[in-house]
Amino acid sequence: MIAEVLDRYDEVGIIDDAAFARAWVSSRHHGRGLARRALANELRQRGVDAEVADEALEVVDEEAEAAAARALVDRKLRTARGEPDAIFRRLVAMLARKGYPAGIAIRAVKDALAARDAEAAEFADAIDPDALADDTTGL
């Protein structure tokens, strides 16, 4: 009986994993600023097929991730206090928790710090995002 009901729901479009995945990705990427890796993990936890999830995640390309990361950093940077190196570590860690790759996270924070003030810009100039992205063990 349960299988029949689920089959009928599928036929009429009530159960649509692809639509669910697209809506989930859109909502969580734009609303919470989550990166592809975090979104893929959430979809997997909710039982969405990997192929369906990959299709839904196509809208979040590297450019979209970089823009979302920068927006998150800009928002957090407005209230950030402390030395530039501590702010840098906190913001990169925040982006890492949201699933951003190290290179995107480091670049977003570096660029935001460079635009903030002279002291932060001096600190940001000394950061090599490519070298840090390759060796994130020191963060």
N, C-alpha and C. Protein backbone atom coordinates (compact mmCIF):
# COMPACT_ATOMS: atom_id res chain seq x y z
N MET A 1 0.82 -1.18 0.00
CA MET A 1 0.00 0.00 0.00
C MET A 1 0.88 1.27 0.00
N ILE A 2 1.90 1.28 0.84
CA ILE A 2 2.79 2.44 0.93
C ILE A 2 3.49 2.67 -0.41
N ALA A 3 3.98 1.60 -1.00
CA ALA A 3 4.66 1.72 -2.29
C ALA A 3 3.74 2.28 -3.36
N GLU A 4 2.48 1.86 -3.35
CA GLU A 4 1.51 2.37 -4.32
C GLU A 4 1.28 3.86 -4.14
N VAL A 5 1.14 4.28 -2.91
CA VAL A 5 0.93 5.71 -2.63
C VAL A 5 2.15 6.52 -3.07
N LEU A 6 3.33 6.05 -2.74
CA LEU A 6 4.55 6.76 -3.14
C LEU A 6 4.70 6.80 -4.66
N ASP A 7 4.37 5.70 -5.32
CA ASP A 7 4.42 5.67 -6.78
C ASP A 7 3.44 6.69 -7.36
N ARG A 8 2.26 6.76 -6.79
CA ARG A 8 1.26 7.72 -7.27
C ARG A 8 1.73 9.16 -7.04
N TYR A 9 2.32 9.45 -5.89
CA TYR A 9 2.87 10.77 -5.61
C TYR A 9 3.94 11.13 -6.63
N ASP A 10 4.77 10.16 -6.96
CA ASP A 10 5.82 10.37 -7.95
C ASP A 10 5.22 10.68 -9.32
N GLU A 11 4.17 9.97 -9.69
CA GLU A 11 3.51 10.18 -10.98
C GLU A 11 2.94 11.58 -11.12
N VAL A 12 2.33 12.09 -10.06
CA VAL A 12 1.69 13.40 -10.14
C VAL A 12 2.64 14.54 -9.80
N GLY A 13 3.87 14.23 -9.46
CA GLY A 13 4.88 15.25 -9.25
C GLY A 13 4.99 15.79 -7.83
N ILE A 14 4.35 15.12 -6.89
CA ILE A 14 4.46 15.55 -5.50
C ILE A 14 5.85 15.22 -4.95
N ILE A 15 6.38 14.09 -5.37
CA ILE A 15 7.72 13.71 -4.97
C ILE A 15 8.64 13.98 -6.16
N ASP A 16 9.51 14.96 -6.03
CA ASP A 16 10.41 15.34 -7.11
C ASP A 16 11.75 15.72 -6.50
N ASP A 17 12.66 14.75 -6.44
CA ASP A 17 13.97 14.99 -5.84
C ASP A 17 14.74 16.09 -6.55
N ALA A 18 14.62 16.16 -7.86
CA ALA A 18 15.36 17.18 -8.61
C ALA A 18 14.87 18.58 -8.24
N ALA A 19 13.56 18.75 -8.15
CA ALA A 19 13.01 20.06 -7.77
C ALA A 19 13.41 20.39 -6.33
N PHE A 20 13.34 19.38 -5.46
CA PHE A 20 13.75 19.60 -4.08
C PHE A 20 15.21 20.03 -4.01
N ALA A 21 16.09 19.34 -4.74
CA ALA A 21 17.51 19.64 -4.71
C ALA A 21 17.78 21.05 -5.24
N ARG A 22 17.13 21.43 -6.33
CA ARG A 22 17.31 22.78 -6.88
C ARG A 22 16.87 23.85 -5.88
N ALA A 23 15.73 23.64 -5.26
CA ALA A 23 15.23 24.60 -4.28
C ALA A 23 16.13 24.67 -3.06
N TRP A 24 16.61 23.51 -2.62
CA TRP A 24 17.49 23.46 -1.45
C TRP A 24 18.79 24.21 -1.73
N VAL A 25 19.39 23.95 -2.88
CA VAL A 25 20.64 24.61 -3.24
C VAL A 25 20.44 26.12 -3.33
N SER A 26 19.40 26.54 -3.99
CA SER A 26 19.14 27.97 -4.12
C SER A 26 18.94 28.64 -2.77
N SER A 27 18.11 28.02 -1.95
CA SER A 27 17.80 28.58 -0.64
C SER A 27 19.03 28.64 0.27
N ARG A 28 19.75 27.56 0.37
CA ARG A 28 20.88 27.48 1.30
C ARG A 28 22.11 28.25 0.80
N HIS A 29 22.29 28.32 -0.52
CA HIS A 29 23.44 29.07 -1.04
C HIS A 29 23.20 30.57 -0.87
N HIS A 30 22.01 31.02 -1.25
CA HIS A 30 21.73 32.46 -1.17
C HIS A 30 21.40 32.90 0.25
N GLY A 31 20.70 32.08 0.99
CA GLY A 31 20.29 32.46 2.32
C GLY A 31 21.36 32.30 3.38
N ARG A 32 22.06 31.18 3.35
CA ARG A 32 23.06 30.89 4.38
C ARG A 32 24.48 31.04 3.87
N GLY A 33 24.66 31.20 2.57
CA GLY A 33 25.99 31.37 2.01
C GLY A 33 26.81 30.09 1.97
N LEU A 34 26.16 28.94 1.91
CA LEU A 34 26.90 27.69 1.90
C LEU A 34 27.53 27.43 0.53
N ALA A 35 28.69 26.81 0.56
CA ALA A 35 29.43 26.48 -0.66
C ALA A 35 28.98 25.12 -1.19
N ARG A 36 29.45 24.79 -2.40
CA ARG A 36 29.07 23.54 -3.06
C ARG A 36 29.31 22.32 -2.18
N ARG A 37 30.47 22.27 -1.53
CA ARG A 37 30.81 21.10 -0.72
C ARG A 37 29.81 20.89 0.42
N ALA A 38 29.46 21.96 1.10
CA ALA A 38 28.50 21.86 2.20
C ALA A 38 27.11 21.51 1.68
N LEU A 39 26.74 22.10 0.55
CA LEU A 39 25.42 21.80 -0.05
C LEU A 39 25.34 20.34 -0.49
N ALA A 40 26.40 19.84 -1.11
CA ALA A 40 26.42 18.44 -1.55
C ALA A 40 26.28 17.51 -0.34
N ASN A 41 26.94 17.85 0.74
CA ASN A 41 26.86 17.04 1.96
C ASN A 41 25.43 17.05 2.52
N GLU A 42 24.81 18.22 2.55
CA GLU A 42 23.44 18.30 3.05
C GLU A 42 22.47 17.50 2.19
N LEU A 43 22.62 17.60 0.87
CA LEU A 43 21.75 16.84 -0.01
C LEU A 43 21.93 15.33 0.18
N ARG A 44 23.19 14.91 0.33
CA ARG A 44 23.47 13.50 0.56
C ARG A 44 22.82 13.03 1.86
N GLN A 45 22.90 13.86 2.91
CA GLN A 45 22.29 13.51 4.20
C GLN A 45 20.78 13.39 4.10
N ARG A 46 20.19 14.10 3.14
CA ARG A 46 18.74 14.06 2.96
C ARG A 46 18.31 13.01 1.95
N GLY A 47 19.25 12.17 1.51
CA GLY A 47 18.92 11.04 0.66
C GLY A 47 18.76 11.36 -0.82
N VAL A 48 19.26 12.51 -1.25
CA VAL A 48 19.18 12.87 -2.67
C VAL A 48 20.29 12.13 -3.41
N ASP A 49 19.93 11.51 -4.53
CA ASP A 49 20.87 10.79 -5.37
C ASP A 49 22.02 11.71 -5.81
N ALA A 50 23.23 11.18 -5.87
CA ALA A 50 24.41 11.98 -6.21
C ALA A 50 24.27 12.65 -7.57
N GLU A 51 23.72 11.95 -8.54
CA GLU A 51 23.55 12.52 -9.88
C GLU A 51 22.57 13.69 -9.87
N VAL A 52 21.49 13.55 -9.14
CA VAL A 52 20.50 14.63 -9.02
C VAL A 52 21.12 15.81 -8.28
N ALA A 53 21.89 15.54 -7.23
CA ALA A 53 22.55 16.60 -6.47
C ALA A 53 23.56 17.35 -7.35
N ASP A 54 24.35 16.61 -8.12
CA ASP A 54 25.33 17.25 -9.00
C ASP A 54 24.66 18.18 -10.00
N GLU A 55 23.54 17.76 -10.52
CA GLU A 55 22.80 18.59 -11.47
C GLU A 55 22.31 19.88 -10.80
N ALA A 56 21.80 19.76 -9.58
CA ALA A 56 21.31 20.94 -8.86
C ALA A 56 22.45 21.88 -8.48
N LEU A 57 23.63 21.31 -8.22
CA LEU A 57 24.78 22.11 -7.80
C LEU A 57 25.46 22.83 -8.95
N GLU A 58 25.07 22.53 -10.18
CA GLU A 58 25.70 23.18 -11.33
C GLU A 58 25.52 24.70 -11.31
N VAL A 59 24.49 25.20 -10.68
CA VAL A 59 24.26 26.64 -10.63
C VAL A 59 25.26 27.36 -9.74
N VAL A 60 25.92 26.63 -8.86
CA VAL A 60 26.90 27.22 -7.96
C VAL A 60 28.28 26.93 -8.53
N ASP A 61 28.74 27.83 -9.39
CA ASP A 61 30.07 27.67 -9.96
C ASP A 61 31.10 28.40 -9.10
N GLU A 62 32.35 28.36 -9.52
CA GLU A 62 33.42 28.97 -8.72
C GLU A 62 33.22 30.47 -8.57
N GLU A 63 32.71 31.10 -9.60
CA GLU A 63 32.47 32.55 -9.55
C GLU A 63 31.38 32.88 -8.53
N ALA A 64 30.32 32.08 -8.52
CA ALA A 64 29.24 32.29 -7.55
C ALA A 64 29.73 32.03 -6.13
N GLU A 65 30.56 31.02 -5.96
CA GLU A 65 31.13 30.74 -4.64
C GLU A 65 32.00 31.90 -4.17
N ALA A 66 32.84 32.41 -5.06
CA ALA A 66 33.72 33.52 -4.70
C ALA A 66 32.91 34.76 -4.31
N ALA A 67 31.86 35.05 -5.06
CA ALA A 67 31.02 36.21 -4.75
C ALA A 67 30.31 36.03 -3.41
N ALA A 68 29.80 34.83 -3.16
CA ALA A 68 29.11 34.56 -1.89
C ALA A 68 30.09 34.64 -0.72
N ALA A 69 31.29 34.11 -0.91
CA ALA A 69 32.31 34.16 0.14
C ALA A 69 32.65 35.61 0.47
N ARG A 70 32.84 36.42 -0.54
CA ARG A 70 33.20 37.83 -0.33
C ARG A 70 32.06 38.56 0.38
N ALA A 71 30.82 38.28 0.01
CA ALA A 71 29.68 38.93 0.67
C ALA A 71 29.62 38.55 2.15
N LEU A 72 29.86 37.27 2.46
CA LEU A 72 29.87 36.83 3.86
C LEU A 72 30.98 37.53 4.63
N VAL A 73 32.16 37.60 4.02
CA VAL A 73 33.31 38.24 4.68
C VAL A 73 33.03 39.72 4.90
N ASP A 74 32.51 40.39 3.89
CA ASP A 74 32.21 41.82 4.03
C ASP A 74 31.22 42.07 5.17
N ARG A 75 30.20 41.21 5.26
CA ARG A 75 29.21 41.37 6.32
C ARG A 75 29.83 41.15 7.70
N LYS A 76 30.65 40.12 7.85
CA LYS A 76 31.27 39.83 9.15
C LYS A 76 32.36 40.85 9.50
N LEU A 77 33.02 41.37 8.48
CA LEU A 77 34.13 42.29 8.70
C LEU A 77 33.67 43.61 9.30
N ARG A 78 32.42 43.98 9.05
CA ARG A 78 31.89 45.25 9.58
C ARG A 78 31.95 45.29 11.10
N THR A 79 31.78 44.15 11.74
CA THR A 79 31.76 44.12 13.21
C THR A 79 33.00 43.45 13.80
N ALA A 80 33.93 43.06 12.95
CA ALA A 80 35.14 42.37 13.43
C ALA A 80 36.06 43.34 14.15
N ARG A 81 36.57 42.90 15.27
CA ARG A 81 37.52 43.70 16.06
C ARG A 81 38.75 42.86 16.32
N GLY A 82 39.89 43.53 16.46
CA GLY A 82 41.11 42.82 16.78
C GLY A 82 42.18 43.06 15.74
N GLU A 83 43.26 42.35 15.90
CA GLU A 83 44.39 42.47 14.98
C GLU A 83 44.04 41.80 13.65
N PRO A 84 44.60 42.31 12.56
CA PRO A 84 44.30 41.74 11.24
C PRO A 84 44.56 40.24 11.13
N ASP A 85 45.62 39.74 11.77
CA ASP A 85 45.92 38.31 11.66
C ASP A 85 44.84 37.47 12.35
N ALA A 86 44.34 37.94 13.49
CA ALA A 86 43.28 37.21 14.19
C ALA A 86 41.97 37.26 13.40
N ILE A 87 41.67 38.42 12.84
CA ILE A 87 40.47 38.56 12.01
C ILE A 87 40.58 37.64 10.80
N PHE A 88 41.76 37.62 10.19
CA PHE A 88 42.00 36.77 9.02
C PHE A 88 41.70 35.31 9.36
N ARG A 89 42.26 34.83 10.47
CA ARG A 89 42.05 33.43 10.86
C ARG A 89 40.58 33.12 11.13
N ARG A 90 39.91 34.02 11.85
CA ARG A 90 38.49 33.79 12.17
C ARG A 90 37.63 33.74 10.92
N LEU A 91 37.88 34.67 9.99
CA LEU A 91 37.05 34.72 8.79
C LEU A 91 37.31 33.54 7.86
N VAL A 92 38.57 33.14 7.72
CA VAL A 92 38.87 31.96 6.89
C VAL A 92 38.25 30.72 7.52
N ALA A 93 38.30 30.61 8.83
CA ALA A 93 37.70 29.47 9.52
C ALA A 93 36.18 29.45 9.34
N MET A 94 35.55 30.63 9.38
CA MET A 94 34.11 30.72 9.17
C MET A 94 33.75 30.22 7.78
N LEU A 95 34.51 30.63 6.78
CA LEU A 95 34.24 30.18 5.41
C LEU A 95 34.50 28.68 5.26
N ALA A 96 35.52 28.18 5.92
CA ALA A 96 35.81 26.74 5.86
C ALA A 96 34.64 25.94 6.45
N ARG A 97 34.05 26.43 7.52
CA ARG A 97 32.90 25.74 8.12
C ARG A 97 31.70 25.74 7.19
N LYS A 98 31.63 26.70 6.31
CA LYS A 98 30.53 26.77 5.34
C LYS A 98 30.86 26.02 4.06
N GLY A 99 32.03 25.34 4.03
CA GLY A 99 32.36 24.47 2.91
C GLY A 99 33.18 25.09 1.80
N TYR A 100 33.70 26.28 1.99
CA TYR A 100 34.48 26.93 0.93
C TYR A 100 35.87 26.34 0.83
N PRO A 101 36.35 26.15 -0.40
CA PRO A 101 37.73 25.69 -0.58
C PRO A 101 38.71 26.74 -0.03
N ALA A 102 39.87 26.28 0.39
CA ALA A 102 40.84 27.18 1.02
C ALA A 102 41.21 28.35 0.11
N GLY A 103 41.43 28.11 -1.16
CA GLY A 103 41.84 29.18 -2.06
C GLY A 103 40.81 30.29 -2.15
N ILE A 104 39.55 29.92 -2.27
CA ILE A 104 38.48 30.93 -2.36
C ILE A 104 38.36 31.68 -1.03
N ALA A 105 38.41 30.96 0.08
CA ALA A 105 38.28 31.58 1.40
C ALA A 105 39.42 32.57 1.65
N ILE A 106 40.63 32.15 1.39
CA ILE A 106 41.78 33.01 1.67
C ILE A 106 41.75 34.25 0.78
N ARG A 107 41.44 34.07 -0.50
CA ARG A 107 41.37 35.21 -1.41
C ARG A 107 40.29 36.21 -1.00
N ALA A 108 39.13 35.70 -0.61
CA ALA A 108 38.02 36.58 -0.21
C ALA A 108 38.40 37.40 1.02
N VAL A 109 39.00 36.77 2.01
CA VAL A 109 39.39 37.48 3.22
C VAL A 109 40.53 38.45 2.93
N LYS A 110 41.49 38.02 2.15
CA LYS A 110 42.62 38.91 1.80
C LYS A 110 42.11 40.16 1.10
N ASP A 111 41.24 40.00 0.11
CA ASP A 111 40.72 41.15 -0.63
C ASP A 111 39.90 42.07 0.26
N ALA A 112 39.11 41.49 1.14
CA ALA A 112 38.29 42.30 2.05
C ALA A 112 39.17 43.07 3.04
N LEU A 113 40.19 42.42 3.56
CA LEU A 113 41.10 43.10 4.48
C LEU A 113 41.87 44.22 3.78
N ALA A 114 42.26 43.98 2.54
CA ALA A 114 42.99 44.99 1.78
C ALA A 114 42.15 46.24 1.58
N ALA A 115 40.86 46.08 1.47
CA ALA A 115 39.97 47.22 1.25
C ALA A 115 39.55 47.89 2.56
N ARG A 116 39.87 47.28 3.69
CA ARG A 116 39.36 47.77 4.98
C ARG A 116 40.07 49.03 5.46
N ASP A 117 41.37 48.95 5.72
CA ASP A 117 42.13 50.10 6.19
C ASP A 117 43.60 49.86 5.92
N ALA A 118 44.44 50.83 6.24
CA ALA A 118 45.87 50.75 5.90
C ALA A 118 46.56 49.59 6.61
N GLU A 119 46.29 49.40 7.91
CA GLU A 119 46.94 48.31 8.66
C GLU A 119 46.52 46.95 8.12
N ALA A 120 45.23 46.80 7.87
CA ALA A 120 44.74 45.54 7.33
C ALA A 120 45.25 45.32 5.92
N ALA A 121 45.36 46.39 5.13
CA ALA A 121 45.87 46.28 3.76
C ALA A 121 47.33 45.84 3.77
N GLU A 122 48.11 46.36 4.70
CA GLU A 122 49.52 45.97 4.81
C GLU A 122 49.64 44.48 5.15
N PHE A 123 48.81 44.02 6.08
CA PHE A 123 48.80 42.61 6.44
C PHE A 123 48.38 41.77 5.23
N ALA A 124 47.34 42.20 4.52
CA ALA A 124 46.81 41.46 3.37
C ALA A 124 47.84 41.37 2.25
N ASP A 125 48.64 42.41 2.06
CA ASP A 125 49.65 42.39 1.00
C ASP A 125 50.68 41.28 1.22
N ALA A 126 50.90 40.92 2.47
CA ALA A 126 51.90 39.89 2.79
C ALA A 126 51.35 38.47 2.62
N ILE A 127 50.06 38.34 2.36
CA ILE A 127 49.44 37.02 2.25
C ILE A 127 49.56 36.52 0.82
N ASP A 128 50.04 35.28 0.69
CA ASP A 128 50.09 34.61 -0.61
C ASP A 128 49.00 33.54 -0.60
N PRO A 129 47.82 33.85 -1.20
CA PRO A 129 46.70 32.90 -1.11
C PRO A 129 47.00 31.55 -1.72
N ASP A 130 47.79 31.51 -2.79
CA ASP A 130 48.10 30.23 -3.42
C ASP A 130 48.95 29.35 -2.52
N ALA A 131 49.93 29.95 -1.85
CA ALA A 131 50.78 29.18 -0.95
C ALA A 131 49.99 28.69 0.27
N LEU A 132 49.12 29.55 0.80
CA LEU A 132 48.31 29.14 1.94
C LEU A 132 47.29 28.09 1.56
N ALA A 133 46.73 28.19 0.38
CA ALA A 133 45.73 27.21 -0.06
C ALA A 133 46.36 25.83 -0.22
N ASP A 134 47.63 25.80 -0.61
CA ASP A 134 48.32 24.53 -0.75
C ASP A 134 48.66 23.92 0.60
N ASP A 135 48.93 24.77 1.61
CA ASP A 135 49.30 24.28 2.94
C ASP A 135 48.42 24.95 3.97
N THR A 136 47.23 24.41 4.20
CA THR A 136 46.31 25.00 5.16
C THR A 136 46.49 24.44 6.57
N THR A 137 47.54 23.69 6.80
CA THR A 137 47.75 23.10 8.11
C THR A 137 48.09 24.15 9.15
N GLY A 138 48.60 25.32 8.71
CA GLY A 138 48.99 26.35 9.66
C GLY A 138 47.86 27.24 10.08
N LEU A 139 46.68 27.07 9.49
CA LEU A 139 45.56 27.96 9.83
C LEU A 139 44.85 27.50 11.05
